[in-house]
């Protein structure tokens, strides 16, 4: 999924909610909505950069299954 970094160019370090409910912190926001990224590109006061964040999938620890008792050995 494409990610976009939006930076405010007219209000340095802007922190708050902007167009489309996009939350900015210190003049920067990250969004995945291409339509919103296009909106910010079309309006003055914003710089838009496409970023491709690579999220490495962590390997899940393998759960050891309990060993089954051999037939005829129960209770020995």
PDB file of N, CA and C in Angstrom:
ATOM      1  N   UNK A   1       0.845  -1.165   0.000  1.00  0.00           N
ATOM      2  CA  UNK A   1       0.000   0.000   0.000  1.00  0.00           C
ATOM      3  C   UNK A   1       0.896   1.236   0.000  1.00  0.00           C
ATOM      4  N   UNK A   2       0.566   2.174  -0.824  1.00  0.00           N
ATOM      5  CA  UNK A   2       1.339   3.413  -0.902  1.00  0.00           C
ATOM      6  C   UNK A   2       1.046   4.287   0.309  1.00  0.00           C
ATOM      7  N   UNK A   3       2.069   4.947   0.776  1.00  0.00           N
ATOM      8  CA  UNK A   3       1.936   5.904   1.872  1.00  0.00           C
ATOM      9  C   UNK A   3       2.414   7.254   1.358  1.00  0.00           C
ATOM     10  N   UNK A   4       1.858   8.309   1.933  1.00  0.00           N
ATOM     11  CA  UNK A   4       2.205   9.665   1.530  1.00  0.00           C
ATOM     12  C   UNK A   4       2.557  10.480   2.762  1.00  0.00           C
ATOM     13  N   UNK A   5       3.627  11.282   2.638  1.00  0.00           N
ATOM     14  CA  UNK A   5       4.001  12.199   3.700  1.00  0.00           C
ATOM     15  C   UNK A   5       3.582  13.590   3.242  1.00  0.00           C
ATOM     16  N   UNK A   6       2.756  14.237   4.044  1.00  0.00           N
ATOM     17  CA  UNK A   6       2.289  15.581   3.753  1.00  0.00           C
ATOM     18  C   UNK A   6       2.998  16.515   4.723  1.00  0.00           C
ATOM     19  N   UNK A   7       3.589  17.596   4.193  1.00  0.00           N
ATOM     20  CA  UNK A   7       4.238  18.593   5.041  1.00  0.00           C
ATOM     21  C   UNK A   7       3.583  19.940   4.793  1.00  0.00           C
ATOM     22  N   UNK A   8       3.399  20.688   5.861  1.00  0.00           N
ATOM     23  CA  UNK A   8       2.878  22.042   5.708  1.00  0.00           C
ATOM     24  C   UNK A   8       4.043  22.943   5.316  1.00  0.00           C
ATOM     25  N   UNK A   9       3.804  23.813   4.342  1.00  0.00           N
ATOM     26  CA  UNK A   9       4.863  24.712   3.889  1.00  0.00           C
ATOM     27  C   UNK A   9       4.612  26.150   4.311  1.00  0.00           C
ATOM     28  N   UNK A  10       3.413  26.449   4.752  1.00  0.00           N
ATOM     29  CA  UNK A  10       3.109  27.827   5.130  1.00  0.00           C
ATOM     30  C   UNK A  10       3.017  28.036   6.641  1.00  0.00           C
ATOM     31  N   UNK A  11       2.800  26.973   7.403  1.00  0.00           N
ATOM     32  CA  UNK A  11       2.750  27.067   8.867  1.00  0.00           C
ATOM     33  C   UNK A  11       3.723  26.025   9.415  1.00  0.00           C
ATOM     34  N   UNK A  12       4.896  26.503   9.801  1.00  0.00           N
ATOM     35  CA  UNK A  12       5.923  25.593  10.292  1.00  0.00           C
ATOM     36  C   UNK A  12       5.469  24.932  11.590  1.00  0.00           C
ATOM     37  N   UNK A  13       5.685  23.644  11.683  1.00  0.00           N
ATOM     38  CA  UNK A  13       5.353  22.860  12.883  1.00  0.00           C
ATOM     39  C   UNK A  13       3.871  22.872  13.248  1.00  0.00           C
ATOM     40  N   UNK A  14       3.001  22.974  12.250  1.00  0.00           N
ATOM     41  CA  UNK A  14       1.560  22.935  12.508  1.00  0.00           C
ATOM     42  C   UNK A  14       1.182  21.608  13.150  1.00  0.00           C
ATOM     43  N   UNK A  15       0.418  21.684  14.219  1.00  0.00           N
ATOM     44  CA  UNK A  15      -0.101  20.494  14.880  1.00  0.00           C
ATOM     45  C   UNK A  15      -1.600  20.669  15.035  1.00  0.00           C
ATOM     46  N   UNK A  16      -2.356  19.750  14.460  1.00  0.00           N
ATOM     47  CA  UNK A  16      -3.806  19.818  14.550  1.00  0.00           C
ATOM     48  C   UNK A  16      -4.453  19.003  13.449  1.00  0.00           C
ATOM     49  N   UNK A  17      -5.771  19.106  13.373  1.00  0.00           N
ATOM     50  CA  UNK A  17      -6.547  18.383  12.369  1.00  0.00           C
ATOM     51  C   UNK A  17      -6.773  19.318  11.192  1.00  0.00           C
ATOM     52  N   UNK A  18      -6.517  18.830   9.994  1.00  0.00           N
ATOM     53  CA  UNK A  18      -6.653  19.637   8.783  1.00  0.00           C
ATOM     54  C   UNK A  18      -7.707  19.010   7.873  1.00  0.00           C
ATOM     55  N   UNK A  19      -7.667  19.372   6.618  1.00  0.00           N
ATOM     56  CA  UNK A  19      -8.649  18.921   5.626  1.00  0.00           C
ATOM     57  C   UNK A  19      -8.811  17.407   5.653  1.00  0.00           C
ATOM     58  N   UNK A  20     -10.045  16.968   5.543  1.00  0.00           N
ATOM     59  CA  UNK A  20     -10.336  15.541   5.489  1.00  0.00           C
ATOM     60  C   UNK A  20     -10.062  14.808   6.783  1.00  0.00           C
ATOM     61  N   UNK A  21      -9.861  15.544   7.871  1.00  0.00           N
ATOM     62  CA  UNK A  21      -9.591  14.909   9.154  1.00  0.00           C
ATOM     63  C   UNK A  21      -8.166  14.418   9.311  1.00  0.00           C
ATOM     64  N   UNK A  22      -7.268  14.877   8.439  1.00  0.00           N
ATOM     65  CA  UNK A  22      -5.876  14.444   8.504  1.00  0.00           C
ATOM     66  C   UNK A  22      -5.199  15.128   9.693  1.00  0.00           C
ATOM     67  N   UNK A  23      -4.572  14.324  10.533  1.00  0.00           N
ATOM     68  CA  UNK A  23      -3.912  14.833  11.735  1.00  0.00           C
ATOM     69  C   UNK A  23      -2.444  15.132  11.445  1.00  0.00           C
ATOM     70  N   UNK A  24      -2.056  16.372  11.720  1.00  0.00           N
ATOM     71  CA  UNK A  24      -0.671  16.806  11.548  1.00  0.00           C
ATOM     72  C   UNK A  24      -0.016  16.945  12.913  1.00  0.00           C
ATOM     73  N   UNK A  25       1.256  16.590  12.973  1.00  0.00           N
ATOM     74  CA  UNK A  25       2.065  16.788  14.171  1.00  0.00           C
ATOM     75  C   UNK A  25       3.391  17.379  13.724  1.00  0.00           C
ATOM     76  N   UNK A  26       3.706  18.536  14.268  1.00  0.00           N
ATOM     77  CA  UNK A  26       4.954  19.221  13.919  1.00  0.00           C
ATOM     78  C   UNK A  26       5.087  19.435  12.415  1.00  0.00           C
ATOM     79  N   UNK A  27       3.989  19.778  11.763  1.00  0.00           N
ATOM     80  CA  UNK A  27       4.014  20.108  10.343  1.00  0.00           C
ATOM     81  C   UNK A  27       4.037  18.927   9.402  1.00  0.00           C
ATOM     82  N   UNK A  28       3.770  17.732   9.902  1.00  0.00           N
ATOM     83  CA  UNK A  28       3.863  16.536   9.069  1.00  0.00           C
ATOM     84  C   UNK A  28       2.737  15.549   9.372  1.00  0.00           C
ATOM     85  N   UNK A  29       2.266  14.897   8.310  1.00  0.00           N
ATOM     86  CA  UNK A  29       1.251  13.852   8.454  1.00  0.00           C
ATOM     87  C   UNK A  29       1.588  12.719   7.502  1.00  0.00           C
ATOM     88  N   UNK A  30       1.196  11.514   7.863  1.00  0.00           N
ATOM     89  CA  UNK A  30       1.347  10.362   6.973  1.00  0.00           C
ATOM     90  C   UNK A  30      -0.037   9.794   6.724  1.00  0.00           C
ATOM     91  N   UNK A  31      -0.340   9.580   5.440  1.00  0.00           N
ATOM     92  CA  UNK A  31      -1.648   9.051   5.062  1.00  0.00           C
ATOM     93  C   UNK A  31      -1.467   7.971   4.006  1.00  0.00           C
ATOM     94  N   UNK A  32      -2.505   7.156   3.825  1.00  0.00           N
ATOM     95  CA  UNK A  32      -2.468   6.121   2.789  1.00  0.00           C
ATOM     96  C   UNK A  32      -3.516   6.368   1.712  1.00  0.00           C
ATOM     97  N   UNK A  33      -4.340   7.375   1.892  1.00  0.00           N
ATOM     98  CA  UNK A  33      -5.434   7.674   0.967  1.00  0.00           C
ATOM     99  C   UNK A  33      -4.916   8.495  -0.223  1.00  0.00           C
ATOM    100  N   UNK A  34      -4.841   7.881  -1.399  1.00  0.00           N
ATOM    101  CA  UNK A  34      -4.328   8.550  -2.598  1.00  0.00           C
ATOM    102  C   UNK A  34      -5.184   9.751  -2.983  1.00  0.00           C
ATOM    103  N   UNK A  35      -6.478   9.663  -2.752  1.00  0.00           N
ATOM    104  CA  UNK A  35      -7.373  10.770  -3.089  1.00  0.00           C
ATOM    105  C   UNK A  35      -7.061  11.998  -2.229  1.00  0.00           C
ATOM    106  N   UNK A  36      -6.813  11.775  -0.943  1.00  0.00           N
ATOM    107  CA  UNK A  36      -6.456  12.887  -0.060  1.00  0.00           C
ATOM    108  C   UNK A  36      -5.084  13.443  -0.421  1.00  0.00           C
ATOM    109  N   UNK A  37      -4.159  12.577  -0.791  1.00  0.00           N
ATOM    110  CA  UNK A  37      -2.833  13.039  -1.201  1.00  0.00           C
ATOM    111  C   UNK A  37      -2.957  13.947  -2.420  1.00  0.00           C
ATOM    112  N   UNK A  38      -3.824  13.585  -3.357  1.00  0.00           N
ATOM    113  CA  UNK A  38      -4.050  14.416  -4.543  1.00  0.00           C
ATOM    114  C   UNK A  38      -4.635  15.766  -4.143  1.00  0.00           C
ATOM    115  N   UNK A  39      -5.539  15.771  -3.173  1.00  0.00           N
ATOM    116  CA  UNK A  39      -6.136  17.029  -2.707  1.00  0.00           C
ATOM    117  C   UNK A  39      -5.050  17.950  -2.166  1.00  0.00           C
ATOM    118  N   UNK A  40      -4.167  17.415  -1.333  1.00  0.00           N
ATOM    119  CA  UNK A  40      -3.099  18.234  -0.760  1.00  0.00           C
ATOM    120  C   UNK A  40      -2.144  18.729  -1.843  1.00  0.00           C
ATOM    121  N   UNK A  41      -1.874  17.912  -2.867  1.00  0.00           N
ATOM    122  CA  UNK A  41      -1.009  18.340  -3.978  1.00  0.00           C
ATOM    123  C   UNK A  41      -1.599  19.546  -4.710  1.00  0.00           C
ATOM    124  N   UNK A  42      -2.923  19.557  -4.840  1.00  0.00           N
ATOM    125  CA  UNK A  42      -3.608  20.604  -5.605  1.00  0.00           C
ATOM    126  C   UNK A  42      -3.761  21.912  -4.840  1.00  0.00           C
ATOM    127  N   UNK A  43      -3.449  21.928  -3.569  1.00  0.00           N
ATOM    128  CA  UNK A  43      -3.651  23.123  -2.754  1.00  0.00           C
ATOM    129  C   UNK A  43      -2.325  23.678  -2.248  1.00  0.00           C
ATOM    130  N   UNK A  44      -2.246  25.011  -2.247  1.00  0.00           N
ATOM    131  CA  UNK A  44      -1.048  25.685  -1.752  1.00  0.00           C
ATOM    132  C   UNK A  44      -0.888  25.437  -0.258  1.00  0.00           C
ATOM    133  N   UNK A  45       0.354  25.424   0.169  1.00  0.00           N
ATOM    134  CA  UNK A  45       0.636  25.281   1.593  1.00  0.00           C
ATOM    135  C   UNK A  45       1.019  23.880   2.011  1.00  0.00           C
ATOM    136  N   UNK A  46       1.084  22.974   1.031  1.00  0.00           N
ATOM    137  CA  UNK A  46       1.412  21.584   1.345  1.00  0.00           C
ATOM    138  C   UNK A  46       2.422  21.029   0.350  1.00  0.00           C
ATOM    139  N   UNK A  47       3.290  20.167   0.830  1.00  0.00           N
ATOM    140  CA  UNK A  47       4.197  19.408  -0.024  1.00  0.00           C
ATOM    141  C   UNK A  47       3.870  17.936   0.206  1.00  0.00           C
ATOM    142  N   UNK A  48       3.756  17.189  -0.889  1.00  0.00           N
ATOM    143  CA  UNK A  48       3.373  15.777  -0.798  1.00  0.00           C
ATOM    144  C   UNK A  48       4.506  14.921  -1.345  1.00  0.00           C
ATOM    145  N   UNK A  49       4.864  13.917  -0.591  1.00  0.00           N
ATOM    146  CA  UNK A  49       5.913  12.983  -0.994  1.00  0.00           C
ATOM    147  C   UNK A  49       5.382  11.566  -0.827  1.00  0.00           C
ATOM    148  N   UNK A  50       5.559  10.762  -1.868  1.00  0.00           N
ATOM    149  CA  UNK A  50       5.156   9.359  -1.755  1.00  0.00           C
ATOM    150  C   UNK A  50       6.277   8.603  -1.059  1.00  0.00           C
ATOM    151  N   UNK A  51       5.902   7.866  -0.051  1.00  0.00           N
ATOM    152  CA  UNK A  51       6.882   7.045   0.657  1.00  0.00           C
ATOM    153  C   UNK A  51       6.374   5.613   0.659  1.00  0.00           C
ATOM    154  N   UNK A  52       7.273   4.707   0.567  1.00  0.00           N
ATOM    155  CA  UNK A  52       6.902   3.296   0.613  1.00  0.00           C
ATOM    156  C   UNK A  52       7.541   2.700   1.846  1.00  0.00           C
ATOM    157  N   UNK A  53       6.764   2.656   2.897  1.00  0.00           N
ATOM    158  CA  UNK A  53       7.269   2.090   4.135  1.00  0.00           C
ATOM    159  C   UNK A  53       7.266   0.576   4.019  1.00  0.00           C
ATOM    160  N   UNK A  54       8.388   0.008   4.315  1.00  0.00           N
ATOM    161  CA  UNK A  54       8.500  -1.443   4.282  1.00  0.00           C
ATOM    162  C   UNK A  54       8.293  -1.946   5.698  1.00  0.00           C
ATOM    163  N   UNK A  55       7.252  -2.695   5.859  1.00  0.00           N
ATOM    164  CA  UNK A  55       6.969  -3.279   7.161  1.00  0.00           C
ATOM    165  C   UNK A  55       7.373  -4.740   7.089  1.00  0.00           C
ATOM    166  N   UNK A  56       8.411  -5.062   7.837  1.00  0.00           N
ATOM    167  CA  UNK A  56       8.884  -6.441   7.817  1.00  0.00           C
ATOM    168  C   UNK A  56       7.959  -7.292   8.667  1.00  0.00           C
ATOM    169  N   UNK A  57       7.548  -8.388   8.090  1.00  0.00           N
ATOM    170  CA  UNK A  57       6.666  -9.296   8.809  1.00  0.00           C
ATOM    171  C   UNK A  57       7.517 -10.134   9.755  1.00  0.00           C
ATOM    172  N   UNK A  58       7.184 -10.029  11.026  1.00  0.00           N
ATOM    173  CA  UNK A  58       7.917 -10.811  12.011  1.00  0.00           C
ATOM    174  C   UNK A  58       7.437 -12.246  11.969  1.00  0.00           C
ATOM    175  N   UNK A  59       8.395 -13.139  12.123  1.00  0.00           N
ATOM    176  CA  UNK A  59       8.018 -14.546  12.159  1.00  0.00           C
ATOM    177  C   UNK A  59       7.363 -14.836  13.498  1.00  0.00           C
ATOM    178  N   UNK A  60       6.236 -15.515  13.418  1.00  0.00           N
ATOM    179  CA  UNK A  60       5.546 -15.879  14.645  1.00  0.00           C
ATOM    180  C   UNK A  60       6.271 -17.057  15.272  1.00  0.00           C
ATOM    181  N   UNK A  61       6.432 -17.017  16.583  1.00  0.00           N
ATOM    182  CA  UNK A  61       7.099 -18.157  17.225  1.00  0.00           C
ATOM    183  C   UNK A  61       6.273 -19.422  17.027  1.00  0.00           C
ATOM    184  N   UNK A  62       6.976 -20.476  16.707  1.00  0.00           N
ATOM    185  CA  UNK A  62       6.279 -21.739  16.483  1.00  0.00           C
ATOM    186  C   UNK A  62       5.933 -22.356  17.830  1.00  0.00           C
ATOM    187  N   UNK A  63       4.679 -22.724  17.935  1.00  0.00           N
ATOM    188  CA  UNK A  63       4.196 -23.313  19.179  1.00  0.00           C
ATOM    189  C   UNK A  63       4.447 -24.812  19.138  1.00  0.00           C
ATOM    190  N   UNK A  64       5.096 -25.303  20.187  1.00  0.00           N
ATOM    191  CA  UNK A  64       5.350 -26.737  20.235  1.00  0.00           C
ATOM    192  C   UNK A  64       4.086 -27.454  20.658  1.00  0.00           C
ATOM    193  N   UNK A  65       3.749 -28.483  19.904  1.00  0.00           N
ATOM    194  CA  UNK A  65       2.566 -29.271  20.227  1.00  0.00           C
ATOM    195  C   UNK A  65       2.959 -30.322  21.251  1.00  0.00           C
ATOM    196  N   UNK A  66       2.079 -30.563  22.225  1.00  0.00           N
ATOM    197  CA  UNK A  66       2.399 -31.612  23.211  1.00  0.00           C
ATOM    198  C   UNK A  66       2.491 -32.962  22.518  1.00  0.00           C
ATOM    199  N   UNK A  67       3.456 -33.747  22.963  1.00  0.00           N
ATOM    200  CA  UNK A  67       3.638 -35.068  22.359  1.00  0.00           C
ATOM    201  C   UNK A  67       2.534 -35.992  22.844  1.00  0.00           C
ATOM    202  N   UNK A  68       2.023 -36.774  21.913  1.00  0.00           N
ATOM    203  CA  UNK A  68       0.962 -37.725  22.248  1.00  0.00           C
ATOM    204  C   UNK A  68       1.591 -38.967  22.868  1.00  0.00           C
ATOM    205  N   UNK A  69       0.901 -39.509  23.871  1.00  0.00           N
ATOM    206  CA  UNK A  69       1.373 -40.745  24.511  1.00  0.00           C
ATOM    207  C   UNK A  69       1.165 -41.904  23.550  1.00  0.00           C
ATOM    208  N   UNK A  70       2.097 -42.822  23.570  1.00  0.00           N
ATOM    209  CA  UNK A  70       1.973 -43.989  22.701  1.00  0.00           C
ATOM    210  C   UNK A  70       0.846 -44.865  23.216  1.00  0.00           C
ATOM    211  N   UNK A  71       0.193 -45.543  22.313  1.00  0.00           N
ATOM    212  CA  UNK A  71      -0.923 -46.430  22.680  1.00  0.00           C
ATOM    213  C   UNK A  71      -0.424 -47.520  23.612  1.00  0.00           C
ATOM    214  N   UNK A  72      -1.191 -47.762  24.658  1.00  0.00           N
ATOM    215  CA  UNK A  72      -0.853 -48.836  25.587  1.00  0.00           C
ATOM    216  C   UNK A  72       0.126 -48.418  26.666  1.00  0.00           C
ATOM    217  N   UNK A  73       0.530 -47.137  26.711  1.00  0.00           N
ATOM    218  CA  UNK A  73       1.484 -46.715  27.733  1.00  0.00           C
ATOM    219  C   UNK A  73       0.845 -45.840  28.798  1.00  0.00           C
ATOM    220  N   UNK A  74      -0.424 -45.530  28.645  1.00  0.00           N
ATOM    221  CA  UNK A  74      -1.087 -44.671  29.622  1.00  0.00           C
ATOM    222  C   UNK A  74      -1.151 -45.364  30.967  1.00  0.00           C
ATOM    223  N   UNK A  75      -0.828 -44.656  32.019  1.00  0.00           N
ATOM    224  CA  UNK A  75      -0.912 -45.197  33.362  1.00  0.00           C
ATOM    225  C   UNK A  75       0.291 -46.017  33.768  1.00  0.00           C
ATOM    226  N   UNK A  76       1.289 -46.132  32.988  1.00  0.00           N
ATOM    227  CA  UNK A  76       2.476 -46.917  33.352  1.00  0.00           C
ATOM    228  C   UNK A  76       3.487 -46.065  34.047  1.00  0.00           C
TER     229      UNK A  76
END
